[in-house]
Amino acid sequence: MTEAYLDHAATTPMTPAALAAYARAAELAGNAASVHRAGQRAREVLEEGRSLLAASIGARPLEVTLNAGGTEGDNHVVLGLSALRSSGHIITTQIEHSAVLAPARTLAARGFEVTFLAPDAQGRITGAQLRDALRPDTFLVSIHHVNNEIGVVQDVAALAKVAHEAGALFHTDAVQSLGVLPVDVQAWNVDFATFSAHKWGGPKGVGLLYVRRGLELPPLLLGGGQEQGLRAGTHNVAGVYAAGVAAQDAASAQPQTHAHLRRLRALLEAGLRSLPDVTLNHLAGGSPKIVSVTAHGADGEALLMNLDLEGVYASAGSACSAGTMQPSHVLTALGLEEAAARASVRFSLGRFTTELEVDHAVRGYARALQRSRPFA
């Protein structure tokens, strides 16, 4: 059966180079924390991976804390900074990933003040909007770089400048950025940034948290003292090395990847627009990786099932919540009614997606749609 994998925002398959790097590093017997030669060989490979990761985001190696991925990094920043104080105010948005929203709501339940900024109709957060929300006790602003459902790109450099002028720290979830858009945490002037390797062709379960030099952040995991005391646990040497190799490759190919994705997105959009009662939700100027589409009058759960039968692999929104079949909180925040949000599908393209896959996706979506509308 012909297949089209268009769920790269959920995860991108490991690249051949990353797989080969993983296999080489996995042969090392030593623990990177051990002082004997076997351990030090593992440490050398680990640090090579860290250096590659740091270079790919414009950071120094000592500013990179290795972890298990974006969710851990987001929780580390939001919950960790709150642990330094008994009260205060944080700002985030209504359309963040649940890895930011869930800890923010936990803090609200503990008595912290939390402001959830509403996006405009295109998903954007403005500097003026952030400035109006800042207070003397605001200690953290957390706003993503690229939204994982509609692809809107926030001007994190401008937003970080506004936050810093008020004395607040700035964190961005940049999980969907590397390899698609230019990434430079120094140019962004952010204090914290989270990344996850499986979004750019590295292994699952490996990520990094950028912590600007000189900042204090309590550990999220205790016990071993690894990662300068910020993250305990035995290092995943093979995973980190493979993630670094994939990151270097993705960053180097970013301009070509961006152009490739723009061309494929245009083809996908044209095919989807030709179908009846179908509207696009994503922003044309946003990440070319994301295409969000609503089929009005369709049963959303049936639509995804029928897409799967067609060999078209997409999702209802964030992969972390797709299994619940709840309406997308991002789309409802943009003003879509629940029924329309439930009838929405996110297609997400990758560096190695082909025109044939896009063509199959359009044809498969059209057939799936016919079977998913009650009176079609």
Protein backbone atom coordinates (compact mmCIF):
# COMPACT_ATOMS: atom_id res chain seq x y z
CA MET A 1 0.00 0.00 0.00
CA THR A 2 1.21 3.49 -0.83
CA GLU A 3 1.87 5.51 2.30
CA ALA A 4 2.46 9.16 3.16
CA TYR A 5 4.04 9.96 6.51
CA LEU A 6 3.03 13.57 7.20
CA ASP A 7 3.37 13.68 10.97
CA HIS A 8 6.87 15.10 11.31
CA ALA A 9 5.80 17.61 13.97
CA ALA A 10 5.08 14.59 16.17
CA THR A 11 8.34 12.85 15.33
CA THR A 12 10.77 12.68 12.43
CA PRO A 13 12.43 9.32 11.63
CA MET A 14 16.10 9.10 12.52
CA THR A 15 18.42 9.99 9.68
CA PRO A 16 20.86 7.36 8.37
CA ALA A 17 23.76 9.43 9.73
CA ALA A 18 22.15 9.58 13.18
CA LEU A 19 21.47 5.84 13.17
CA ALA A 20 25.08 5.12 12.24
CA ALA A 21 26.35 7.50 14.92
CA TYR A 22 24.11 5.87 17.51
CA ALA A 23 25.38 2.40 16.60
CA ARG A 24 29.03 3.51 16.89
CA ALA A 25 28.54 5.18 20.26
CA ALA A 26 26.39 2.37 21.63
CA GLU A 27 29.38 0.03 21.36
CA LEU A 28 31.17 1.97 24.12
CA ALA A 29 31.05 0.09 27.40
CA GLY A 30 31.89 2.85 29.85
CA ASN A 31 29.72 5.14 31.94
CA ALA A 32 30.57 8.74 31.08
CA ALA A 33 30.78 9.55 34.81
CA SER A 34 33.44 6.91 35.49
CA VAL A 35 37.09 7.93 35.88
CA HIS A 36 38.67 4.91 34.18
CA ARG A 37 39.68 4.93 30.54
CA ALA A 38 36.49 3.22 29.33
CA GLY A 39 34.44 5.86 31.10
CA GLN A 40 36.56 8.67 29.73
CA ARG A 41 36.16 7.38 26.18
CA ALA A 42 32.41 7.54 26.70
CA ARG A 43 32.81 11.05 28.17
CA GLU A 44 34.70 12.22 25.08
CA VAL A 45 31.90 11.04 22.79
CA LEU A 46 29.27 12.58 25.06
CA GLU A 47 31.02 15.95 25.02
CA GLU A 48 31.42 15.79 21.26
CA GLY A 49 27.67 15.34 21.01
CA ARG A 50 27.11 18.24 23.41
CA SER A 51 29.41 20.48 21.38
CA LEU A 52 27.56 19.65 18.17
CA LEU A 53 24.22 20.40 19.84
CA ALA A 54 25.49 23.68 21.26
CA ALA A 55 26.89 24.83 17.92
CA SER A 56 23.61 24.04 16.15
CA ILE A 57 21.67 26.49 18.38
CA GLY A 58 24.36 29.16 18.80
CA ALA A 59 25.20 28.29 22.42
CA ARG A 60 28.30 27.44 24.42
CA PRO A 61 28.67 23.76 25.42
CA LEU A 62 28.51 24.63 29.13
CA GLU A 63 25.11 26.26 28.51
CA VAL A 64 23.63 22.98 27.30
CA THR A 65 21.94 20.72 29.86
CA LEU A 66 21.25 17.29 28.39
CA ASN A 67 17.88 15.74 29.20
CA ALA A 68 15.10 13.52 27.88
CA GLY A 69 13.38 16.07 25.64
CA GLY A 70 11.18 19.13 25.37
CA THR A 71 8.63 18.17 28.00
CA GLU A 72 11.31 17.74 30.65
CA GLY A 73 12.98 20.99 29.66
CA ASP A 74 9.74 22.98 29.78
CA ASN A 75 8.86 21.55 33.19
CA HIS A 76 12.38 22.19 34.46
CA VAL A 77 12.19 25.89 33.68
CA VAL A 78 8.62 26.59 34.80
CA LEU A 79 8.68 24.49 37.97
CA GLY A 80 12.36 25.04 38.73
CA LEU A 81 12.22 28.84 38.72
CA SER A 82 9.09 28.80 40.86
CA ALA A 83 10.92 26.67 43.44
CA LEU A 84 13.19 29.64 44.15
CA ARG A 85 10.29 31.72 45.50
CA SER A 86 7.05 31.31 47.43
CA SER A 87 4.93 33.55 45.18
CA GLY A 88 5.06 35.62 42.04
CA HIS A 89 3.69 36.05 38.56
CA ILE A 90 4.43 34.24 35.29
CA ILE A 91 3.17 34.90 31.77
CA THR A 92 2.57 32.39 29.02
CA THR A 93 0.03 31.99 26.22
CA GLN A 94 -3.17 30.09 25.61
CA ILE A 95 -1.58 28.22 22.70
CA GLU A 96 1.56 26.83 24.30
CA HIS A 97 2.32 23.13 24.29
CA SER A 98 0.84 21.24 27.21
CA ALA A 99 4.38 20.79 28.57
CA VAL A 100 4.25 24.49 29.49
CA LEU A 101 0.52 24.84 30.17
CA ALA A 102 0.33 21.93 32.61
CA PRO A 103 3.10 23.14 34.96
CA ALA A 104 1.77 26.70 34.68
CA ARG A 105 -1.67 25.53 35.81
CA THR A 106 -0.03 23.56 38.61
CA LEU A 107 1.62 26.76 39.81
CA ALA A 108 -1.69 28.60 39.62
CA ALA A 109 -3.20 25.94 41.88
CA ARG A 110 -0.34 26.51 44.33
CA GLY A 111 -1.08 30.21 44.59
CA PHE A 112 1.16 31.72 41.93
CA GLU A 113 -0.36 34.29 39.59
CA VAL A 114 -0.43 33.13 35.97
CA THR A 115 -1.47 35.16 32.93
CA PHE A 116 -2.38 33.24 29.75
CA LEU A 117 -2.10 35.66 26.85
CA ALA A 118 -4.70 35.29 24.09
CA PRO A 119 -3.32 35.26 20.54
CA ASP A 120 -4.74 37.33 17.73
CA ALA A 121 -6.71 35.65 14.94
CA GLN A 122 -3.46 34.48 13.33
CA GLY A 123 -1.93 33.16 16.53
CA ARG A 124 0.50 36.01 17.18
CA ILE A 125 1.51 37.56 20.50
CA THR A 126 2.64 41.19 20.30
CA GLY A 127 5.22 43.05 22.31
CA ALA A 128 2.61 45.60 23.37
CA GLN A 129 0.38 42.82 24.63
CA LEU A 130 3.22 41.35 26.67
CA ARG A 131 4.23 44.76 28.01
CA ASP A 132 0.71 45.39 29.27
CA ALA A 133 0.69 42.04 31.11
CA LEU A 134 4.05 42.43 32.88
CA ARG A 135 4.05 43.28 36.58
CA PRO A 136 6.75 44.09 39.14
CA ASP A 137 6.52 40.52 40.47
CA THR A 138 6.69 38.82 37.04
CA PHE A 139 9.68 36.47 37.17
CA LEU A 140 9.15 34.39 34.01
CA VAL A 141 7.71 34.75 30.53
CA SER A 142 7.37 31.51 28.53
CA ILE A 143 6.38 31.86 24.86
CA HIS A 144 7.13 29.30 22.17
CA HIS A 145 9.08 30.05 19.01
CA VAL A 146 7.04 27.89 16.60
CA ASN A 147 3.57 26.62 17.43
CA ASN A 148 3.33 22.88 16.89
CA GLU A 149 -0.25 22.94 15.55
CA ILE A 150 -0.56 26.01 13.32
CA GLY A 151 3.09 26.86 12.68
CA VAL A 152 2.91 30.52 13.73
CA VAL A 153 6.37 31.91 14.46
CA GLN A 154 6.66 34.32 17.37
CA ASP A 155 9.25 37.12 17.38
CA VAL A 156 11.00 35.76 20.45
CA ALA A 157 13.88 38.25 20.23
CA ALA A 158 11.48 41.20 20.47
CA LEU A 159 9.39 39.52 23.17
CA ALA A 160 12.50 38.66 25.21
CA LYS A 161 13.60 42.30 25.02
CA VAL A 162 10.24 43.43 26.44
CA ALA A 163 10.46 40.84 29.24
CA HIS A 164 14.02 41.83 30.15
CA GLU A 165 13.13 45.53 30.28
CA ALA A 166 10.67 44.62 33.04
CA GLY A 167 13.19 42.45 34.88
CA ALA A 168 11.63 39.09 33.92
CA LEU A 169 13.41 36.03 32.55
CA PHE A 170 12.37 34.67 29.15
CA HIS A 171 11.96 31.03 28.11
CA THR A 172 11.02 29.72 24.69
CA ASP A 173 9.95 26.24 23.65
CA ALA A 174 11.83 25.88 20.35
CA VAL A 175 11.14 22.19 19.82
CA GLN A 176 9.72 22.73 16.30
CA SER A 177 12.43 25.12 15.10
CA LEU A 178 15.79 23.47 14.44
CA GLY A 179 16.36 22.43 10.83
CA VAL A 180 13.33 24.37 9.58
CA LEU A 181 14.08 27.94 10.68
CA PRO A 182 17.32 29.66 11.71
CA VAL A 183 18.06 29.08 15.40
CA ASP A 184 20.42 31.28 17.41
CA VAL A 185 19.73 31.55 21.12
CA GLN A 186 22.34 34.31 21.47
CA ALA A 187 20.68 36.45 18.79
CA TRP A 188 17.28 35.74 20.33
CA ASN A 189 18.71 36.84 23.71
CA VAL A 190 16.54 34.29 25.53
CA ASP A 191 17.44 32.99 28.98
CA PHE A 192 16.18 29.43 28.50
CA ALA A 193 15.23 27.37 25.44
CA THR A 194 14.09 23.78 25.06
CA PHE A 195 14.77 21.38 22.18
CA SER A 196 14.00 17.74 21.39
CA ALA A 197 16.14 15.58 19.11
CA HIS A 198 13.40 13.48 17.54
CA LYS A 199 12.02 16.57 15.81
CA TRP A 200 15.12 16.94 13.60
CA GLY A 201 16.06 13.32 12.87
CA GLY A 202 17.74 12.37 16.13
CA PRO A 203 16.60 9.69 18.57
CA LYS A 204 13.53 9.86 20.77
CA GLY A 205 14.09 10.48 24.47
CA VAL A 206 16.98 12.92 24.00
CA GLY A 207 16.80 16.67 24.33
CA LEU A 208 18.55 19.71 25.66
CA LEU A 209 17.80 22.72 27.79
CA TYR A 210 19.70 25.89 27.02
CA VAL A 211 20.46 27.86 30.20
CA ARG A 212 22.16 31.19 29.64
CA ARG A 213 25.49 31.38 31.43
CA GLY A 214 25.25 32.87 34.90
CA LEU A 215 21.61 32.03 35.58
CA GLU A 216 20.47 30.03 38.58
CA LEU A 217 18.11 27.09 38.03
CA PRO A 218 17.40 24.40 40.63
CA PRO A 219 17.75 20.74 39.56
CA LEU A 220 14.61 18.93 38.46
CA LEU A 221 16.04 15.46 39.12
CA LEU A 222 18.26 14.71 42.11
CA GLY A 223 20.62 11.91 42.92
CA GLY A 224 23.73 11.79 40.78
CA GLY A 225 25.00 15.32 40.30
CA GLN A 226 25.41 15.02 36.53
CA GLU A 227 25.00 18.03 34.22
CA GLN A 228 26.62 20.47 36.66
CA GLY A 229 24.09 19.34 39.25
CA LEU A 230 21.10 20.36 37.10
CA ARG A 231 19.99 16.92 35.94
CA ALA A 232 20.85 13.65 37.67
CA GLY A 233 20.95 10.33 35.85
CA THR A 234 23.31 8.21 33.79
CA HIS A 235 24.06 9.88 30.49
CA ASN A 236 22.60 8.49 27.29
CA VAL A 237 25.91 8.72 25.44
CA ALA A 238 24.76 7.12 22.19
CA GLY A 239 21.56 9.16 22.12
CA VAL A 240 23.33 12.46 22.74
CA TYR A 241 26.00 11.77 20.12
CA ALA A 242 23.40 10.77 17.52
CA ALA A 243 21.32 13.84 18.41
CA GLY A 244 24.37 16.05 17.90
CA VAL A 245 25.21 14.52 14.53
CA ALA A 246 21.60 14.95 13.39
CA ALA A 247 21.46 18.52 14.71
CA GLN A 248 24.61 19.55 12.89
CA ASP A 249 23.25 18.05 9.67
CA ALA A 250 19.80 19.64 10.12
CA ALA A 251 21.24 23.08 10.88
CA SER A 252 23.57 22.95 7.88
CA ALA A 253 20.74 21.95 5.54
CA GLN A 254 18.21 24.42 7.01
CA PRO A 255 18.06 26.88 4.07
CA GLN A 256 17.54 24.09 1.55
CA THR A 257 15.05 22.33 3.83
CA HIS A 258 13.06 25.54 4.28
CA ALA A 259 12.78 26.04 0.51
CA HIS A 260 11.83 22.39 0.00
CA LEU A 261 9.12 22.57 2.65
CA ARG A 262 7.68 25.79 1.23
CA ARG A 263 7.32 24.16 -2.18
CA LEU A 264 5.68 21.05 -0.74
CA ARG A 265 3.37 23.08 1.47
CA ALA A 266 2.17 25.05 -1.56
CA LEU A 267 1.31 21.80 -3.34
CA LEU A 268 -0.49 20.43 -0.31
CA GLU A 269 -2.43 23.66 0.23
CA ALA A 270 -3.52 23.79 -3.40
CA GLY A 271 -4.85 20.24 -3.23
CA LEU A 272 -6.69 20.80 0.03
CA ARG A 273 -8.25 24.09 -1.15
CA SER A 274 -9.79 22.27 -4.11
CA LEU A 275 -11.99 20.19 -1.78
CA PRO A 276 -15.47 21.36 -0.70
CA ASP A 277 -16.03 22.99 2.71
CA VAL A 278 -12.37 22.80 3.68
CA THR A 279 -10.46 25.71 5.24
CA LEU A 280 -6.84 26.16 6.22
CA ASN A 281 -5.94 27.30 9.73
CA HIS A 282 -2.19 27.79 9.61
CA LEU A 283 -0.46 31.08 8.90
CA ALA A 284 0.98 31.43 5.40
CA GLY A 285 4.07 33.20 6.76
CA GLY A 286 4.65 30.66 9.50
CA SER A 287 6.70 27.50 9.59
CA PRO A 288 6.48 25.73 6.21
CA LYS A 289 6.46 22.44 8.10
CA ILE A 290 2.87 22.78 9.33
CA VAL A 291 -0.46 22.58 7.47
CA SER A 292 -3.65 22.68 9.55
CA VAL A 293 -6.95 21.99 7.81
CA THR A 294 -10.58 21.87 8.94
CA ALA A 295 -13.19 19.77 7.12
CA HIS A 296 -16.49 21.36 8.10
CA GLY A 297 -19.23 18.86 8.86
CA ALA A 298 -16.85 15.91 9.17
CA ASP A 299 -16.50 13.51 12.07
CA GLY A 300 -12.94 14.18 13.22
CA GLU A 301 -12.30 10.77 14.77
CA ALA A 302 -13.65 9.00 11.69
CA LEU A 303 -11.55 11.24 9.48
CA LEU A 304 -8.31 10.25 11.21
CA MET A 305 -9.26 6.57 11.11
CA ASN A 306 -10.09 6.79 7.41
CA LEU A 307 -6.83 8.63 6.72
CA ASP A 308 -4.99 5.80 8.40
CA LEU A 309 -6.81 3.29 6.18
CA GLU A 310 -5.62 5.32 3.20
CA GLY A 311 -2.03 5.09 4.41
CA VAL A 312 -1.91 8.81 5.24
CA TYR A 313 -0.40 9.45 8.65
CA ALA A 314 -1.29 12.76 10.25
CA SER A 315 -2.72 13.86 13.59
CA ALA A 316 -5.52 15.85 15.19
CA GLY A 317 -3.01 18.23 16.77
CA SER A 318 -0.30 17.75 19.35
CA ALA A 319 0.87 14.15 19.47
CA CYS A 320 0.83 14.38 23.27
CA SER A 321 -2.95 14.85 23.31
CA ALA A 322 -4.09 13.33 20.02
CA GLY A 323 -5.16 10.08 21.66
CA THR A 324 -7.77 11.89 23.78
CA MET A 325 -9.67 13.24 20.73
CA GLN A 326 -10.29 16.46 22.64
CA PRO A 327 -10.70 19.60 20.51
CA SER A 328 -7.41 21.39 19.97
CA HIS A 329 -6.88 24.10 22.59
CA VAL A 330 -4.86 26.01 20.00
CA LEU A 331 -7.67 26.08 17.45
CA THR A 332 -10.36 26.94 19.99
CA ALA A 333 -8.14 29.79 21.24
CA LEU A 334 -8.15 31.10 17.66
CA GLY A 335 -11.96 31.14 17.71
CA LEU A 336 -12.91 27.84 16.08
CA GLU A 337 -16.00 26.18 17.49
CA GLU A 338 -15.48 22.79 19.13
CA ALA A 339 -17.06 20.88 16.23
CA ALA A 340 -14.73 22.55 13.72
CA ALA A 341 -11.70 22.01 15.96
CA ARG A 342 -12.57 18.31 16.27
CA ALA A 343 -12.80 18.06 12.47
CA SER A 344 -9.30 19.45 12.01
CA VAL A 345 -6.15 17.62 10.94
CA ARG A 346 -2.53 18.67 11.18
CA PHE A 347 -0.26 17.58 8.37
CA SER A 348 3.42 18.18 9.02
CA LEU A 349 6.16 17.87 6.44
CA GLY A 350 9.75 16.79 6.78
CA ARG A 351 13.08 17.32 5.11
CA PHE A 352 12.76 14.05 3.16
CA THR A 353 9.04 14.28 2.36
CA THR A 354 8.41 13.80 -1.37
CA GLU A 355 5.94 15.23 -3.88
CA LEU A 356 4.53 11.72 -4.29
CA GLU A 357 3.71 11.61 -0.58
CA VAL A 358 1.98 14.99 -0.78
CA ASP A 359 -0.03 13.88 -3.81
CA HIS A 360 -1.05 10.66 -2.06
CA ALA A 361 -2.02 12.63 1.04
CA VAL A 362 -4.34 14.92 -0.91
CA ARG A 363 -5.99 12.04 -2.73
CA GLY A 364 -6.27 10.00 0.46
CA TYR A 365 -7.68 12.93 2.40
CA ALA A 366 -10.34 13.48 -0.27
CA ARG A 367 -11.43 9.84 -0.09
CA ALA A 368 -11.30 9.80 3.71
CA LEU A 369 -13.37 12.96 3.81
CA GLN A 370 -16.13 11.44 1.72
CA ARG A 371 -16.45 8.60 4.24
CA SER A 372 -16.28 10.91 7.25
CA ARG A 373 -19.14 13.27 6.53
CA PRO A 374 -22.46 11.85 7.75
CA PHE A 375 -24.41 12.96 4.69
CA ALA A 376 -21.68 12.90 2.05
